[in-house]
Amino acid sequence: SIFSINVMGWYRQAPGKQRELVARITRFGSTNYA
């Protein structure tokens, strides 16, 4: 049950490492990258 999503992103986690942000994008198209 979804009307909208503000931010969607991708994270990754390698063995023995902390989860980190890879990229994210807002509903309006603004992006951020590692």
Full PDB file with SEQRES, HELIX, SHEET, SSBOND, CRYST1, ORIGX, SCALE, CONECT and MASTER records, all heavy atoms in Angstrom:
SEQRES   1 A   34  SER ILE PHE SER ILE ASN VAL MET GLY TRP TYR ARG GLN          
SEQRES   2 A   34  ALA PRO GLY LYS GLN ARG GLU LEU VAL ALA ARG ILE THR          
SEQRES   3 A   34  ARG PHE GLY SER THR ASN TYR ALA                              
SHEET    1 AA1 3 VAL A   7  ARG A  12  0                                        
SHEET    2 AA1 3 GLU A  20  THR A  26 -1                                        
SHEET    3 AA1 3 THR A  31  TYR A  33 -1                                        
CRYST1    1.000    1.000    1.000  90.00  90.00  90.00 P 1           1          
ORIGX1      1.000000  0.000000  0.000000        0.00000                         
ORIGX2      0.000000  1.000000  0.000000        0.00000                         
ORIGX3      0.000000  0.000000  1.000000        0.00000                         
SCALE1      1.000000  0.000000  0.000000        0.00000                         
SCALE2      0.000000  1.000000  0.000000        0.00000                         
SCALE3      0.000000  0.000000  1.000000        0.00000                         
ATOM      1  N   SER A   1       0.848  -1.182   0.000  1.00  0.00           N  
ATOM      2  CA  SER A   1       0.000   0.000   0.000  1.00  0.00           C  
ATOM      3  C   SER A   1       0.888   1.238   0.000  1.00  0.00           C  
ATOM      4  O   SER A   1       1.343   1.694   1.048  1.00  0.00           O  
ATOM      5  CB  SER A   1      -0.920  -0.010   1.222  1.00  0.00           C  
ATOM      6  OG  SER A   1      -1.789   1.105   1.215  1.00  0.00           O  
ATOM      7  N   ILE A   2       1.154   1.767  -1.190  1.00  0.00           N  
ATOM      8  CA  ILE A   2       2.107   2.861  -1.362  1.00  0.00           C  
ATOM      9  C   ILE A   2       1.498   3.980  -2.186  1.00  0.00           C  
ATOM     10  O   ILE A   2       0.995   3.747  -3.278  1.00  0.00           O  
ATOM     11  CB  ILE A   2       3.395   2.384  -2.046  1.00  0.00           C  
ATOM     12  CG1 ILE A   2       4.077   1.287  -1.227  1.00  0.00           C  
ATOM     13  CG2 ILE A   2       4.351   3.558  -2.258  1.00  0.00           C  
ATOM     14  CD1 ILE A   2       5.225   0.625  -1.941  1.00  0.00           C  
ATOM     15  N   PHE A   3       1.584   5.179  -1.658  1.00  0.00           N  
ATOM     16  CA  PHE A   3       1.216   6.368  -2.410  1.00  0.00           C  
ATOM     17  C   PHE A   3       2.449   6.993  -3.052  1.00  0.00           C  
ATOM     18  O   PHE A   3       2.418   7.357  -4.225  1.00  0.00           O  
ATOM     19  CB  PHE A   3       0.507   7.383  -1.512  1.00  0.00           C  
ATOM     20  CG  PHE A   3       0.152   8.662  -2.209  1.00  0.00           C  
ATOM     21  CD1 PHE A   3      -0.945   8.728  -3.050  1.00  0.00           C  
ATOM     22  CD2 PHE A   3       0.918   9.807  -2.040  1.00  0.00           C  
ATOM     23  CE1 PHE A   3      -1.282   9.907  -3.700  1.00  0.00           C  
ATOM     24  CE2 PHE A   3       0.596  10.989  -2.691  1.00  0.00           C  
ATOM     25  CZ  PHE A   3      -0.511  11.040  -3.522  1.00  0.00           C  
ATOM     26  N   SER A   4       3.525   7.103  -2.286  1.00  0.00           N  
ATOM     27  CA  SER A   4       4.760   7.654  -2.805  1.00  0.00           C  
ATOM     28  C   SER A   4       5.915   7.244  -1.911  1.00  0.00           C  
ATOM     29  O   SER A   4       5.722   6.849  -0.769  1.00  0.00           O  
ATOM     30  CB  SER A   4       4.692   9.184  -2.912  1.00  0.00           C  
ATOM     31  OG  SER A   4       4.544   9.773  -1.634  1.00  0.00           O  
ATOM     32  N   ILE A   5       7.123   7.358  -2.449  1.00  0.00           N  
ATOM     33  CA  ILE A   5       8.342   7.073  -1.710  1.00  0.00           C  
ATOM     34  C   ILE A   5       9.280   8.259  -1.870  1.00  0.00           C  
ATOM     35  O   ILE A   5       9.622   8.628  -2.993  1.00  0.00           O  
ATOM     36  CB  ILE A   5       9.030   5.790  -2.215  1.00  0.00           C  
ATOM     37  CG1 ILE A   5       8.078   4.601  -2.123  1.00  0.00           C  
ATOM     38  CG2 ILE A   5      10.311   5.525  -1.427  1.00  0.00           C  
ATOM     39  CD1 ILE A   5       8.612   3.335  -2.758  1.00  0.00           C  
ATOM     40  N   ASN A   6       9.704   8.829  -0.762  1.00  0.00           N  
ATOM     41  CA  ASN A   6      10.544  10.019  -0.814  1.00  0.00           C  
ATOM     42  C   ASN A   6      11.942   9.708  -1.360  1.00  0.00           C  
ATOM     43  O   ASN A   6      12.398  10.335  -2.307  1.00  0.00           O  
ATOM     44  CB  ASN A   6      10.652  10.670   0.561  1.00  0.00           C  
ATOM     45  CG  ASN A   6      11.401  11.990   0.520  1.00  0.00           C  
ATOM     46  OD1 ASN A   6      11.457  12.659  -0.503  1.00  0.00           O  
ATOM     47  ND2 ASN A   6      11.970  12.381   1.653  1.00  0.00           N  
ATOM     48  N   VAL A   7      12.608   8.730  -0.766  1.00  0.00           N  
ATOM     49  CA  VAL A   7      13.976   8.408  -1.144  1.00  0.00           C  
ATOM     50  C   VAL A   7      14.122   6.907  -1.330  1.00  0.00           C  
ATOM     51  O   VAL A   7      13.686   6.127  -0.485  1.00  0.00           O  
ATOM     52  CB  VAL A   7      14.991   8.890  -0.087  1.00  0.00           C  
ATOM     53  CG1 VAL A   7      16.412   8.578  -0.543  1.00  0.00           C  
ATOM     54  CG2 VAL A   7      14.835  10.381   0.175  1.00  0.00           C  
ATOM     55  N   MET A   8      14.741   6.521  -2.422  1.00  0.00           N  
ATOM     56  CA  MET A   8      15.112   5.138  -2.641  1.00  0.00           C  
ATOM     57  C   MET A   8      16.609   5.076  -2.865  1.00  0.00           C  
ATOM     58  O   MET A   8      17.188   5.977  -3.477  1.00  0.00           O  
ATOM     59  CB  MET A   8      14.367   4.538  -3.832  1.00  0.00           C  
ATOM     60  CG  MET A   8      12.858   4.572  -3.688  1.00  0.00           C  
ATOM     61  SD  MET A   8      11.979   3.665  -4.992  1.00  0.00           S  
ATOM     62  CE  MET A   8      12.233   1.968  -4.432  1.00  0.00           C  
ATOM     63  N   GLY A   9      17.221   4.040  -2.348  1.00  0.00           N  
ATOM     64  CA  GLY A   9      18.659   3.951  -2.465  1.00  0.00           C  
ATOM     65  C   GLY A   9      19.174   2.532  -2.494  1.00  0.00           C  
ATOM     66  O   GLY A   9      18.430   1.572  -2.252  1.00  0.00           O  
ATOM     67  N   TRP A  10      20.445   2.441  -2.813  1.00  0.00           N  
ATOM     68  CA  TRP A  10      21.154   1.171  -2.806  1.00  0.00           C  
ATOM     69  C   TRP A  10      22.293   1.229  -1.806  1.00  0.00           C  
ATOM     70  O   TRP A  10      23.067   2.192  -1.782  1.00  0.00           O  
ATOM     71  CB  TRP A  10      21.716   0.837  -4.188  1.00  0.00           C  
ATOM     72  CG  TRP A  10      20.673   0.478  -5.187  1.00  0.00           C  
ATOM     73  CD1 TRP A  10      20.070   1.302  -6.089  1.00  0.00           C  
ATOM     74  CD2 TRP A  10      20.101  -0.818  -5.386  1.00  0.00           C  
ATOM     75  NE1 TRP A  10      19.157   0.600  -6.844  1.00  0.00           N  
ATOM     76  CE2 TRP A  10      19.158  -0.696  -6.433  1.00  0.00           C  
ATOM     77  CE3 TRP A  10      20.288  -2.057  -4.793  1.00  0.00           C  
ATOM     78  CZ2 TRP A  10      18.409  -1.785  -6.891  1.00  0.00           C  
ATOM     79  CZ3 TRP A  10      19.543  -3.136  -5.243  1.00  0.00           C  
ATOM     80  CH2 TRP A  10      18.620  -2.989  -6.277  1.00  0.00           C  
ATOM     81  N   TYR A  11      22.378   0.216  -0.982  1.00  0.00           N  
ATOM     82  CA  TYR A  11      23.466   0.041  -0.038  1.00  0.00           C  
ATOM     83  C   TYR A  11      24.146  -1.284  -0.331  1.00  0.00           C  
ATOM     84  O   TYR A  11      23.573  -2.155  -0.987  1.00  0.00           O  
ATOM     85  CB  TYR A  11      22.944   0.051   1.401  1.00  0.00           C  
ATOM     86  CG  TYR A  11      22.380   1.384   1.853  1.00  0.00           C  
ATOM     87  CD1 TYR A  11      21.160   1.844   1.374  1.00  0.00           C  
ATOM     88  CD2 TYR A  11      23.075   2.167   2.763  1.00  0.00           C  
ATOM     89  CE1 TYR A  11      20.647   3.061   1.790  1.00  0.00           C  
ATOM     90  CE2 TYR A  11      22.570   3.385   3.197  1.00  0.00           C  
ATOM     91  CZ  TYR A  11      21.352   3.826   2.702  1.00  0.00           C  
ATOM     92  OH  TYR A  11      20.854   5.034   3.123  1.00  0.00           O  
ATOM     93  N   ARG A  12      25.358  -1.439   0.151  1.00  0.00           N  
ATOM     94  CA  ARG A  12      26.056  -2.706  -0.029  1.00  0.00           C  
ATOM     95  C   ARG A  12      26.844  -3.053   1.217  1.00  0.00           C  
ATOM     96  O   ARG A  12      27.244  -2.176   1.988  1.00  0.00           O  
ATOM     97  CB  ARG A  12      26.974  -2.675  -1.253  1.00  0.00           C  
ATOM     98  CG  ARG A  12      28.169  -1.744  -1.134  1.00  0.00           C  
ATOM     99  CD  ARG A  12      28.924  -1.687  -2.451  1.00  0.00           C  
ATOM    100  NE  ARG A  12      30.093  -0.835  -2.386  1.00  0.00           N  
ATOM    101  CZ  ARG A  12      30.841  -0.499  -3.428  1.00  0.00           C  
ATOM    102  NH1 ARG A  12      30.539  -0.959  -4.642  1.00  0.00           N  
ATOM    103  NH2 ARG A  12      31.900   0.285  -3.268  1.00  0.00           N  
ATOM    104  N   GLN A  13      27.064  -4.335   1.395  1.00  0.00           N  
ATOM    105  CA  GLN A  13      27.816  -4.822   2.530  1.00  0.00           C  
ATOM    106  C   GLN A  13      28.713  -5.972   2.083  1.00  0.00           C  
ATOM    107  O   GLN A  13      28.225  -7.004   1.632  1.00  0.00           O  
ATOM    108  CB  GLN A  13      26.889  -5.276   3.662  1.00  0.00           C  
ATOM    109  CG  GLN A  13      27.617  -5.622   4.943  1.00  0.00           C  
ATOM    110  CD  GLN A  13      26.668  -5.741   6.123  1.00  0.00           C  
ATOM    111  OE1 GLN A  13      25.479  -6.004   5.950  1.00  0.00           O  
ATOM    112  NE2 GLN A  13      27.191  -5.531   7.313  1.00  0.00           N  
ATOM    113  N   ALA A  14      30.005  -5.763   2.202  1.00  0.00           N  
ATOM    114  CA  ALA A  14      30.981  -6.797   1.909  1.00  0.00           C  
ATOM    115  C   ALA A  14      31.293  -7.577   3.176  1.00  0.00           C  
ATOM    116  O   ALA A  14      31.098  -7.073   4.288  1.00  0.00           O  
ATOM    117  CB  ALA A  14      32.255  -6.167   1.346  1.00  0.00           C  
ATOM    118  N   PRO A  15      31.785  -8.811   3.042  1.00  0.00           N  
ATOM    119  CA  PRO A  15      32.104  -9.614   4.227  1.00  0.00           C  
ATOM    120  C   PRO A  15      33.064  -8.894   5.165  1.00  0.00           C  
ATOM    121  O   PRO A  15      34.101  -8.381   4.733  1.00  0.00           O  
ATOM    122  CB  PRO A  15      32.743 -10.869   3.637  1.00  0.00           C  
ATOM    123  CG  PRO A  15      32.153 -10.981   2.271  1.00  0.00           C  
ATOM    124  CD  PRO A  15      32.011  -9.561   1.798  1.00  0.00           C  
ATOM    125  N   GLY A  16      32.711  -8.836   6.437  1.00  0.00           N  
ATOM    126  CA  GLY A  16      33.558  -8.207   7.428  1.00  0.00           C  
ATOM    127  C   GLY A  16      33.539  -6.693   7.428  1.00  0.00           C  
ATOM    128  O   GLY A  16      34.292  -6.072   8.180  1.00  0.00           O  
ATOM    129  N   LYS A  17      32.700  -6.092   6.603  1.00  0.00           N  
ATOM    130  CA  LYS A  17      32.637  -4.644   6.520  1.00  0.00           C  
ATOM    131  C   LYS A  17      31.242  -4.139   6.863  1.00  0.00           C  
ATOM    132  O   LYS A  17      30.262  -4.888   6.835  1.00  0.00           O  
ATOM    133  CB  LYS A  17      33.027  -4.155   5.123  1.00  0.00           C  
ATOM    134  CG  LYS A  17      34.444  -4.505   4.708  1.00  0.00           C  
ATOM    135  CD  LYS A  17      34.838  -3.804   3.428  1.00  0.00           C  
ATOM    136  CE  LYS A  17      34.923  -2.299   3.614  1.00  0.00           C  
ATOM    137  NZ  LYS A  17      35.365  -1.612   2.372  1.00  0.00           N  
ATOM    138  N   GLN A  18      31.167  -2.869   7.184  1.00  0.00           N  
ATOM    139  CA  GLN A  18      29.908  -2.238   7.521  1.00  0.00           C  
ATOM    140  C   GLN A  18      29.104  -1.918   6.264  1.00  0.00           C  
ATOM    141  O   GLN A  18      29.671  -1.676   5.199  1.00  0.00           O  
ATOM    142  CB  GLN A  18      30.176  -0.959   8.321  1.00  0.00           C  
ATOM    143  CG  GLN A  18      29.055  -0.547   9.247  1.00  0.00           C  
ATOM    144  CD  GLN A  18      29.515   0.478  10.270  1.00  0.00           C  
ATOM    145  OE1 GLN A  18      30.706   0.719  10.448  1.00  0.00           O  
ATOM    146  NE2 GLN A  18      28.561   1.080  10.951  1.00  0.00           N  
ATOM    147  N   ARG A  19      27.801  -1.930   6.404  1.00  0.00           N  
ATOM    148  CA  ARG A  19      26.957  -1.562   5.278  1.00  0.00           C  
ATOM    149  C   ARG A  19      27.174  -0.094   4.929  1.00  0.00           C  
ATOM    150  O   ARG A  19      27.238   0.770   5.808  1.00  0.00           O  
ATOM    151  CB  ARG A  19      25.490  -1.818   5.613  1.00  0.00           C  
ATOM    152  CG  ARG A  19      24.541  -1.619   4.450  1.00  0.00           C  
ATOM    153  CD  ARG A  19      23.114  -2.024   4.797  1.00  0.00           C  
ATOM    154  NE  ARG A  19      23.019  -3.429   5.154  1.00  0.00           N  
ATOM    155  CZ  ARG A  19      21.884  -4.068   5.395  1.00  0.00           C  
ATOM    156  NH1 ARG A  19      20.734  -3.426   5.306  1.00  0.00           N  
ATOM    157  NH2 ARG A  19      21.901  -5.354   5.735  1.00  0.00           N  
ATOM    158  N   GLU A  20      27.284   0.196   3.641  1.00  0.00           N  
ATOM    159  CA  GLU A  20      27.549   1.548   3.200  1.00  0.00           C  
ATOM    160  C   GLU A  20      26.598   1.969   2.095  1.00  0.00           C  
ATOM    161  O   GLU A  20      26.101   1.145   1.323  1.00  0.00           O  
ATOM    162  CB  GLU A  20      28.997   1.680   2.699  1.00  0.00           C  
ATOM    163  CG  GLU A  20      29.303   0.839   1.464  1.00  0.00           C  
ATOM    164  CD  GLU A  20      30.699   1.075   0.914  1.00  0.00           C  
ATOM    165  OE1 GLU A  20      31.378   2.013   1.368  1.00  0.00           O  
ATOM    166  OE2 GLU A  20      31.113   0.308   0.013  1.00  0.00           O  
ATOM    167  N   LEU A  21      26.375   3.262   2.022  1.00  0.00           N  
ATOM    168  CA  LEU A  21      25.541   3.817   0.968  1.00  0.00           C  
ATOM    169  C   LEU A  21      26.282   3.784  -0.359  1.00  0.00           C  
ATOM    170  O   LEU A  21      27.438   4.194  -0.444  1.00  0.00           O  
ATOM    171  CB  LEU A  21      25.148   5.254   1.302  1.00  0.00           C  
ATOM    172  CG  LEU A  21      24.412   6.026   0.202  1.00  0.00           C  
ATOM    173  CD1 LEU A  21      23.015   5.463  -0.006  1.00  0.00           C  
ATOM    174  CD2 LEU A  21      24.343   7.511   0.537  1.00  0.00           C  
ATOM    175  N   VAL A  22      25.620   3.296  -1.389  1.00  0.00           N  
ATOM    176  CA  VAL A  22      26.167   3.301  -2.735  1.00  0.00           C  
ATOM    177  C   VAL A  22      25.613   4.481  -3.521  1.00  0.00           C  
ATOM    178  O   VAL A  22      26.360   5.263  -4.110  1.00  0.00           O  
ATOM    179  CB  VAL A  22      25.860   1.983  -3.472  1.00  0.00           C  
ATOM    180  CG1 VAL A  22      26.387   2.031  -4.902  1.00  0.00           C  
ATOM    181  CG2 VAL A  22      26.457   0.800  -2.722  1.00  0.00           C  
ATOM    182  N   ALA A  23      24.304   4.602  -3.546  1.00  0.00           N  
ATOM    183  CA  ALA A  23      23.649   5.682  -4.267  1.00  0.00           C  
ATOM    184  C   ALA A  23      22.230   5.836  -3.754  1.00  0.00           C  
ATOM    185  O   ALA A  23      21.623   4.879  -3.274  1.00  0.00           O  
ATOM    186  CB  ALA A  23      23.645   5.420  -5.773  1.00  0.00           C  
ATOM    187  N   ARG A  24      21.705   7.038  -3.872  1.00  0.00           N  
ATOM    188  CA  ARG A  24      20.321   7.285  -3.501  1.00  0.00           C  
ATOM    189  C   ARG A  24      19.720   8.299  -4.450  1.00  0.00           C  
ATOM    190  O   ARG A  24      20.425   9.099  -5.072  1.00  0.00           O  
ATOM    191  CB  ARG A  24      20.193   7.757  -2.054  1.00  0.00           C  
ATOM    192  CG  ARG A  24      20.899   9.061  -1.752  1.00  0.00           C  
ATOM    193  CD  ARG A  24      20.483   9.609  -0.400  1.00  0.00           C  
ATOM    194  NE  ARG A  24      20.804   8.686   0.686  1.00  0.00           N  
ATOM    195  CZ  ARG A  24      20.393   8.844   1.944  1.00  0.00           C  
ATOM    196  NH1 ARG A  24      19.645   9.893   2.276  1.00  0.00           N  
ATOM    197  NH2 ARG A  24      20.728   7.956   2.865  1.00  0.00           N  
ATOM    198  N   ILE A  25      18.396   8.271  -4.540  1.00  0.00           N  
ATOM    199  CA  ILE A  25      17.688   9.179  -5.422  1.00  0.00           C  
ATOM    200  C   ILE A  25      16.369   9.568  -4.784  1.00  0.00           C  
ATOM    201  O   ILE A  25      15.649   8.728  -4.243  1.00  0.00           O  
ATOM    202  CB  ILE A  25      17.487   8.543  -6.821  1.00  0.00           C  
ATOM    203  CG1 ILE A  25      16.799   9.522  -7.775  1.00  0.00           C  
ATOM    204  CG2 ILE A  25      16.720   7.234  -6.715  1.00  0.00           C  
ATOM    205  CD1 ILE A  25      16.835   9.053  -9.224  1.00  0.00           C  
ATOM    206  N   THR A  26      16.050  10.850  -4.830  1.00  0.00           N  
ATOM    207  CA  THR A  26      14.802  11.336  -4.261  1.00  0.00           C  
ATOM    208  C   THR A  26      13.669  11.182  -5.260  1.00  0.00           C  
ATOM    209  O   THR A  26      13.870  10.864  -6.433  1.00  0.00           O  
ATOM    210  CB  THR A  26      14.902  12.809  -3.844  1.00  0.00           C  
ATOM    211  OG1 THR A  26      14.938  13.639  -5.014  1.00  0.00           O  
ATOM    212  CG2 THR A  26      16.143  13.061  -3.008  1.00  0.00           C  
ATOM    213  N   ARG A  27      12.461  11.454  -4.782  1.00  0.00           N  
ATOM    214  CA  ARG A  27      11.284  11.368  -5.623  1.00  0.00           C  
ATOM    215  C   ARG A  27      11.369  12.332  -6.803  1.00  0.00           C  
ATOM    216  O   ARG A  27      10.785  12.088  -7.859  1.00  0.00           O  
ATOM    217  CB  ARG A  27      10.032  11.656  -4.793  1.00  0.00           C  
ATOM    218  CG  ARG A  27       8.723  11.411  -5.503  1.00  0.00           C  
ATOM    219  CD  ARG A  27       7.557  11.646  -4.572  1.00  0.00           C  
ATOM    220  NE  ARG A  27       7.473  13.034  -4.148  1.00  0.00           N  
ATOM    221  CZ  ARG A  27       6.619  13.499  -3.245  1.00  0.00           C  
ATOM    222  NH1 ARG A  27       5.776  12.673  -2.642  1.00  0.00           N  
ATOM    223  NH2 ARG A  27       6.605  14.780  -2.925  1.00  0.00           N  
ATOM    224  N   PHE A  28      12.113  13.414  -6.607  1.00  0.00           N  
ATOM    225  CA  PHE A  28      12.227  14.439  -7.637  1.00  0.00           C  
ATOM    226  C   PHE A  28      13.492  14.309  -8.476  1.00  0.00           C  
ATOM    227  O   PHE A  28      13.766  15.174  -9.309  1.00  0.00           O  
ATOM    228  CB  PHE A  28      12.155  15.828  -6.997  1.00  0.00           C  
ATOM    229  CG  PHE A  28      10.901  16.047  -6.212  1.00  0.00           C  
ATOM    230  CD1 PHE A  28      10.918  16.028  -4.830  1.00  0.00           C  
ATOM    231  CD2 PHE A  28       9.693  16.243  -6.847  1.00  0.00           C  
ATOM    232  CE1 PHE A  28       9.760  16.218  -4.094  1.00  0.00           C  
ATOM    233  CE2 PHE A  28       8.521  16.434  -6.127  1.00  0.00           C  
ATOM    234  CZ  PHE A  28       8.560  16.423  -4.753  1.00  0.00           C  
ATOM    235  N   GLY A  29      14.254  13.246  -8.267  1.00  0.00           N  
ATOM    236  CA  GLY A  29      15.372  12.955  -9.137  1.00  0.00           C  
ATOM    237  C   GLY A  29      16.736  13.405  -8.672  1.00  0.00           C  
ATOM    238  O   GLY A  29      17.718  13.215  -9.409  1.00  0.00           O  
ATOM    239  N   SER A  30      16.855  13.991  -7.497  1.00  0.00           N  
ATOM    240  CA  SER A  30      18.167  14.365  -6.980  1.00  0.00           C  
ATOM    241  C   SER A  30      18.926  13.116  -6.561  1.00  0.00           C  
ATOM    242  O   SER A  30      18.368  12.225  -5.932  1.00  0.00           O  
ATOM    243  CB  SER A  30      18.032  15.313  -5.795  1.00  0.00           C  
ATOM    244  OG  SER A  30      17.415  16.525  -6.186  1.00  0.00           O  
ATOM    245  N   THR A  31      20.210  13.057  -6.891  1.00  0.00           N  
ATOM    246  CA  THR A  31      21.002  11.858  -6.639  1.00  0.00           C  
ATOM    247  C   THR A  31      22.232  12.145  -5.809  1.00  0.00           C  
ATOM    248  O   THR A  31      22.750  13.259  -5.790  1.00  0.00           O  
ATOM    249  CB  THR A  31      21.446  11.208  -7.958  1.00  0.00           C  
ATOM    250  OG1 THR A  31      22.220  12.149  -8.715  1.00  0.00           O  
ATOM    251  CG2 THR A  31      20.246  10.770  -8.775  1.00  0.00           C  
ATOM    252  N   ASN A  32      22.699  11.128  -5.122  1.00  0.00           N  
ATOM    253  CA  ASN A  32      23.956  11.141  -4.397  1.00  0.00           C  
ATOM    254  C   ASN A  32      24.651   9.809  -4.623  1.00  0.00           C  
ATOM    255  O   ASN A  32      24.008   8.769  -4.627  1.00  0.00           O  
ATOM    256  CB  ASN A  32      23.748  11.366  -2.898  1.00  0.00           C  
ATOM    257  CG  ASN A  32      23.187  12.723  -2.574  1.00  0.00           C  
ATOM    258  OD1 ASN A  32      21.988  12.869  -2.346  1.00  0.00           O  
ATOM    259  ND2 ASN A  32      24.050  13.727  -2.546  1.00  0.00           N  
ATOM    260  N   TYR A  33      25.967   9.864  -4.779  1.00  0.00           N  
ATOM    261  CA  TYR A  33      26.755   8.666  -5.009  1.00  0.00           C  
ATOM    262  C   TYR A  33      27.937   8.619  -4.062  1.00  0.00           C  
ATOM    263  O   TYR A  33      28.514   9.645  -3.706  1.00  0.00           O  
ATOM    264  CB  TYR A  33      27.295   8.620  -6.434  1.00  0.00           C  
ATOM    265  CG  TYR A  33      26.245   8.509  -7.511  1.00  0.00           C  
ATOM    266  CD1 TYR A  33      25.712   9.649  -8.103  1.00  0.00           C  
ATOM    267  CD2 TYR A  33      25.800   7.266  -7.943  1.00  0.00           C  
ATOM    268  CE1 TYR A  33      24.755   9.545  -9.097  1.00  0.00           C  
ATOM    269  CE2 TYR A  33      24.845   7.162  -8.935  1.00  0.00           C  
ATOM    270  CZ  TYR A  33      24.325   8.307  -9.510  1.00  0.00           C  
ATOM    271  OH  TYR A  33      23.381   8.201 -10.500  1.00  0.00           O  
ATOM    272  N   ALA A  34      28.306   7.414  -3.683  1.00  0.00           N  
ATOM    273  CA  ALA A  34      29.566   7.234  -2.985  1.00  0.00           C  
ATOM    274  C   ALA A  34      30.707   7.580  -3.930  1.00  0.00           C  
ATOM    275  O   ALA A  34      30.632   7.332  -5.137  1.00  0.00           O  
ATOM    276  CB  ALA A  34      29.707   5.795  -2.497  1.00  0.00           C  
TER     277      ALA A  34                                                      
MASTER        0    0    0    0    3    0    0    6  276    1    0    3          
END                                                                             
